[in-house]
N, C-alpha and C. Protein backbone atom coordinates (compact mmCIF):
# COMPACT_ATOMS: atom_id res chain seq x y z
N MET A 1 64.96 -38.81 -30.46
CA MET A 1 63.57 -39.70 -30.54
C MET A 1 62.23 -39.13 -29.91
N LYS A 2 62.48 -39.01 -28.38
CA LYS A 2 61.20 -38.68 -27.70
C LYS A 2 60.82 -37.42 -28.18
N LYS A 3 61.58 -36.12 -29.15
CA LYS A 3 60.71 -34.96 -29.57
C LYS A 3 59.75 -35.30 -30.54
N GLN A 4 60.31 -36.30 -31.32
CA GLN A 4 59.32 -37.03 -32.27
C GLN A 4 58.15 -37.44 -31.72
N LYS A 5 58.45 -38.28 -30.79
CA LYS A 5 57.08 -38.85 -30.53
C LYS A 5 56.39 -37.63 -30.34
N SER A 6 56.46 -36.50 -29.11
CA SER A 6 55.98 -35.59 -28.77
C SER A 6 55.43 -34.42 -30.13
N ALA A 7 56.15 -34.49 -30.97
CA ALA A 7 55.79 -33.80 -32.54
C ALA A 7 54.14 -34.28 -33.17
N ASP A 8 54.71 -35.96 -32.88
CA ASP A 8 53.59 -36.60 -33.45
C ASP A 8 52.15 -36.83 -32.23
N LYS A 9 52.54 -36.26 -31.28
CA LYS A 9 51.06 -36.61 -30.10
C LYS A 9 50.50 -35.25 -30.97
N HIS A 10 49.22 -35.11 -31.23
CA HIS A 10 47.64 -34.68 -31.89
C HIS A 10 46.77 -34.04 -30.36
N GLN A 11 46.56 -33.08 -30.42
CA GLN A 11 45.51 -32.81 -29.52
C GLN A 11 44.50 -32.49 -30.26
N LEU A 12 43.22 -32.50 -29.93
CA LEU A 12 42.05 -32.19 -30.00
C LEU A 12 41.47 -30.29 -31.00
N LYS A 13 42.16 -29.98 -29.85
CA LYS A 13 42.64 -28.03 -29.77
C LYS A 13 43.12 -28.50 -31.22
N ASP A 14 44.13 -28.98 -31.63
CA ASP A 14 45.37 -28.49 -32.81
C ASP A 14 44.35 -28.77 -34.05
N ASP A 15 42.95 -29.76 -33.81
CA ASP A 15 42.77 -29.98 -35.33
C ASP A 15 41.63 -29.28 -35.52
N LEU A 16 41.04 -28.76 -34.80
CA LEU A 16 39.80 -27.93 -34.61
C LEU A 16 40.31 -26.69 -34.92
N GLN A 17 39.88 -26.16 -36.64
CA GLN A 17 39.67 -24.76 -37.18
C GLN A 17 39.21 -23.92 -36.24
N SER A 18 39.84 -22.63 -36.56
CA SER A 18 39.30 -21.40 -35.83
C SER A 18 37.76 -20.97 -35.64
N ASP A 19 37.27 -21.35 -37.27
CA ASP A 19 36.21 -20.75 -37.14
C ASP A 19 34.85 -21.44 -36.19
N ILE A 20 35.60 -22.96 -35.85
CA ILE A 20 35.03 -23.64 -35.48
C ILE A 20 35.06 -23.59 -33.81
N LYS A 21 36.41 -23.03 -33.43
CA LYS A 21 36.77 -23.04 -32.15
C LYS A 21 35.74 -21.69 -31.51
N ALA A 22 35.59 -20.77 -32.92
CA ALA A 22 35.12 -19.10 -32.64
C ALA A 22 33.49 -19.83 -32.44
N LYS A 23 32.77 -20.85 -32.98
CA LYS A 23 31.42 -20.69 -32.94
C LYS A 23 30.95 -21.69 -31.11
N LEU A 24 31.92 -22.14 -31.42
CA LEU A 24 31.98 -23.07 -29.57
C LEU A 24 32.60 -22.19 -28.94
N LEU A 25 33.31 -21.02 -28.68
CA LEU A 25 33.15 -20.06 -27.83
C LEU A 25 31.38 -19.61 -27.89
N GLU A 26 31.39 -19.16 -28.64
CA GLU A 26 30.25 -18.44 -29.13
C GLU A 26 28.58 -19.12 -27.90
N MET A 27 29.02 -20.67 -28.63
CA MET A 27 28.15 -21.15 -28.46
C MET A 27 28.13 -20.95 -26.60
N LYS A 28 29.31 -21.41 -26.44
CA LYS A 28 29.66 -21.12 -24.44
C LYS A 28 29.09 -20.02 -24.23
N SER A 29 29.06 -18.74 -24.75
CA SER A 29 28.99 -17.80 -23.85
C SER A 29 27.34 -17.69 -24.02
N GLN A 30 26.76 -18.14 -25.04
CA GLN A 30 25.14 -18.07 -25.26
C GLN A 30 24.68 -18.97 -24.27
N LEU A 31 24.86 -20.16 -24.04
CA LEU A 31 24.54 -20.67 -22.79
C LEU A 31 24.45 -20.79 -21.80
N LYS A 32 25.76 -19.98 -21.23
CA LYS A 32 26.19 -18.97 -19.95
C LYS A 32 24.77 -17.88 -19.55
N GLU A 33 24.66 -17.32 -20.49
CA GLU A 33 23.47 -16.17 -20.63
C GLU A 33 22.23 -16.84 -20.58
N GLU A 34 22.17 -18.08 -21.40
CA GLU A 34 20.70 -18.43 -20.78
C GLU A 34 20.73 -19.14 -19.10
N ASP A 35 21.53 -19.22 -19.02
CA ASP A 35 22.05 -19.85 -17.84
C ASP A 35 21.25 -19.11 -16.72
N GLU A 36 22.21 -18.17 -16.60
CA GLU A 36 22.14 -16.96 -16.04
C GLU A 36 20.57 -16.61 -15.69
N LYS A 37 19.86 -15.72 -16.71
CA LYS A 37 18.40 -15.48 -16.99
C LYS A 37 17.90 -16.34 -16.26
N ARG A 38 17.32 -17.97 -16.49
CA ARG A 38 16.88 -18.86 -16.00
C ARG A 38 16.93 -18.72 -14.49
N GLN A 39 18.26 -18.93 -13.69
CA GLN A 39 18.00 -18.34 -12.52
C GLN A 39 17.91 -17.14 -12.15
N GLU A 40 18.47 -16.49 -12.84
CA GLU A 40 17.32 -14.98 -12.42
C GLU A 40 15.80 -14.92 -12.73
N ARG A 41 15.19 -15.93 -13.70
CA ARG A 41 13.63 -15.64 -13.21
C ARG A 41 13.05 -16.69 -12.31
N GLU A 42 13.91 -18.06 -11.80
CA GLU A 42 13.56 -18.64 -10.60
C GLU A 42 13.74 -18.07 -9.68
N LYS A 43 14.30 -17.08 -9.02
CA LYS A 43 14.59 -16.41 -8.03
C LYS A 43 13.58 -15.40 -7.82
N ALA A 44 13.32 -14.52 -9.13
CA ALA A 44 12.23 -13.69 -9.01
C ALA A 44 10.83 -15.06 -8.91
N GLU A 45 10.75 -16.09 -9.39
CA GLU A 45 9.84 -16.59 -8.95
C GLU A 45 9.46 -17.09 -7.64
N GLN A 46 10.57 -17.46 -6.72
CA GLN A 46 10.67 -17.70 -5.52
C GLN A 46 10.51 -17.08 -4.84
N ILE A 47 10.61 -15.21 -4.81
CA ILE A 47 10.60 -14.09 -4.24
C ILE A 47 8.95 -14.10 -4.40
N ARG A 48 8.08 -14.10 -5.35
CA ARG A 48 7.26 -13.66 -5.75
C ARG A 48 6.14 -14.74 -5.29
N LYS A 49 6.64 -16.08 -5.09
CA LYS A 49 5.51 -17.18 -4.08
C LYS A 49 5.66 -16.83 -2.91
N LYS A 50 7.34 -16.37 -2.24
CA LYS A 50 7.11 -15.97 -1.08
C LYS A 50 6.15 -14.80 -0.47
N LYS A 51 6.43 -14.11 -1.10
CA LYS A 51 4.94 -12.86 -1.00
C LYS A 51 3.74 -13.11 -0.62
N GLU A 52 3.62 -13.84 -2.09
CA GLU A 52 2.24 -14.68 -2.42
C GLU A 52 1.72 -15.24 -0.53
N ILE A 53 2.34 -16.12 -0.43
CA ILE A 53 2.09 -16.89 0.82
C ILE A 53 2.16 -16.10 2.13
N GLU A 54 3.00 -15.06 2.17
CA GLU A 54 3.44 -13.84 2.90
C GLU A 54 1.64 -13.38 3.72
N LYS A 55 1.33 -13.21 1.99
CA LYS A 55 0.03 -11.84 2.17
C LYS A 55 -1.19 -12.69 2.68
N ASN A 56 -0.88 -14.21 2.13
CA ASN A 56 -2.24 -15.14 2.36
C ASN A 56 -2.49 -15.64 3.59
N LYS A 57 -1.24 -15.19 4.64
CA LYS A 57 -1.40 -16.19 5.81
C LYS A 57 -2.30 -15.25 6.86
N SER A 58 -2.70 -16.63 7.63
CA SER A 58 -3.85 -15.85 8.29
C SER A 58 -3.65 -15.42 10.03
N PHE A 59 -4.42 -14.56 10.41
CA PHE A 59 -3.81 -14.05 11.85
C PHE A 59 -3.84 -14.97 12.57
N GLU A 60 -3.49 -16.27 12.79
CA GLU A 60 -3.26 -17.00 13.79
C GLU A 60 -1.84 -17.79 13.53
N GLU A 61 -1.40 -17.71 11.82
CA GLU A 61 -0.11 -18.39 11.62
C GLU A 61 0.45 -17.01 11.67
N LEU A 62 0.34 -15.42 11.52
CA LEU A 62 1.21 -14.14 11.81
C LEU A 62 1.06 -14.48 13.34
N PHE A 63 -0.03 -14.67 14.26
CA PHE A 63 0.67 -14.42 15.06
C PHE A 63 1.17 -15.24 16.24
N ASN A 64 1.43 -16.78 15.46
CA ASN A 64 2.21 -17.73 15.86
C ASN A 64 3.62 -17.61 15.66
N GLU A 65 4.09 -16.56 14.56
CA GLU A 65 5.20 -16.21 13.71
C GLU A 65 5.67 -14.98 15.03
N SER A 66 5.03 -14.62 15.50
CA SER A 66 5.22 -13.42 16.11
C SER A 66 6.38 -13.01 17.21
N GLN A 67 7.11 -12.50 17.74
CA GLN A 67 8.22 -13.15 18.60
C GLN A 67 8.02 -12.27 19.58
N MET A 68 6.78 -11.38 19.78
CA MET A 68 6.60 -10.69 21.11
C MET A 68 5.75 -11.48 22.18
N ASP A 69 6.06 -11.08 23.01
CA ASP A 69 5.44 -12.09 24.21
C ASP A 69 4.01 -11.30 24.91
N TRP A 70 3.04 -11.70 25.10
CA TRP A 70 1.93 -11.27 24.78
C TRP A 70 1.89 -11.24 26.26
N HIS A 71 1.94 -11.80 27.19
CA HIS A 71 1.71 -11.34 28.60
C HIS A 71 2.59 -10.25 28.84
N LYS A 72 3.39 -9.99 28.08
CA LYS A 72 4.14 -8.45 28.72
C LYS A 72 2.76 -7.35 28.40
N TYR A 73 2.59 -7.48 27.74
CA TYR A 73 0.96 -6.63 27.40
C TYR A 73 -0.50 -7.05 27.71
N LYS A 74 -0.38 -8.00 28.42
CA LYS A 74 -1.70 -8.90 29.50
C LYS A 74 -2.09 -7.39 30.66
């Protein structure tokens, strides 16, 4: 009787047809690729912004960020 219950138990994957499974797997891979491309674009944009900020720093900002001790060179 227990074997009969387990045989009657259906799962979603059992009901899906193979073509639907294939479409879903394809969609999953496409979404993953799009997400990776989006992350790459965001990373490139952050790098560009960081370079732009660094390029536009004033002398005072660069001097304050410097690790050199100007007293040694006085």
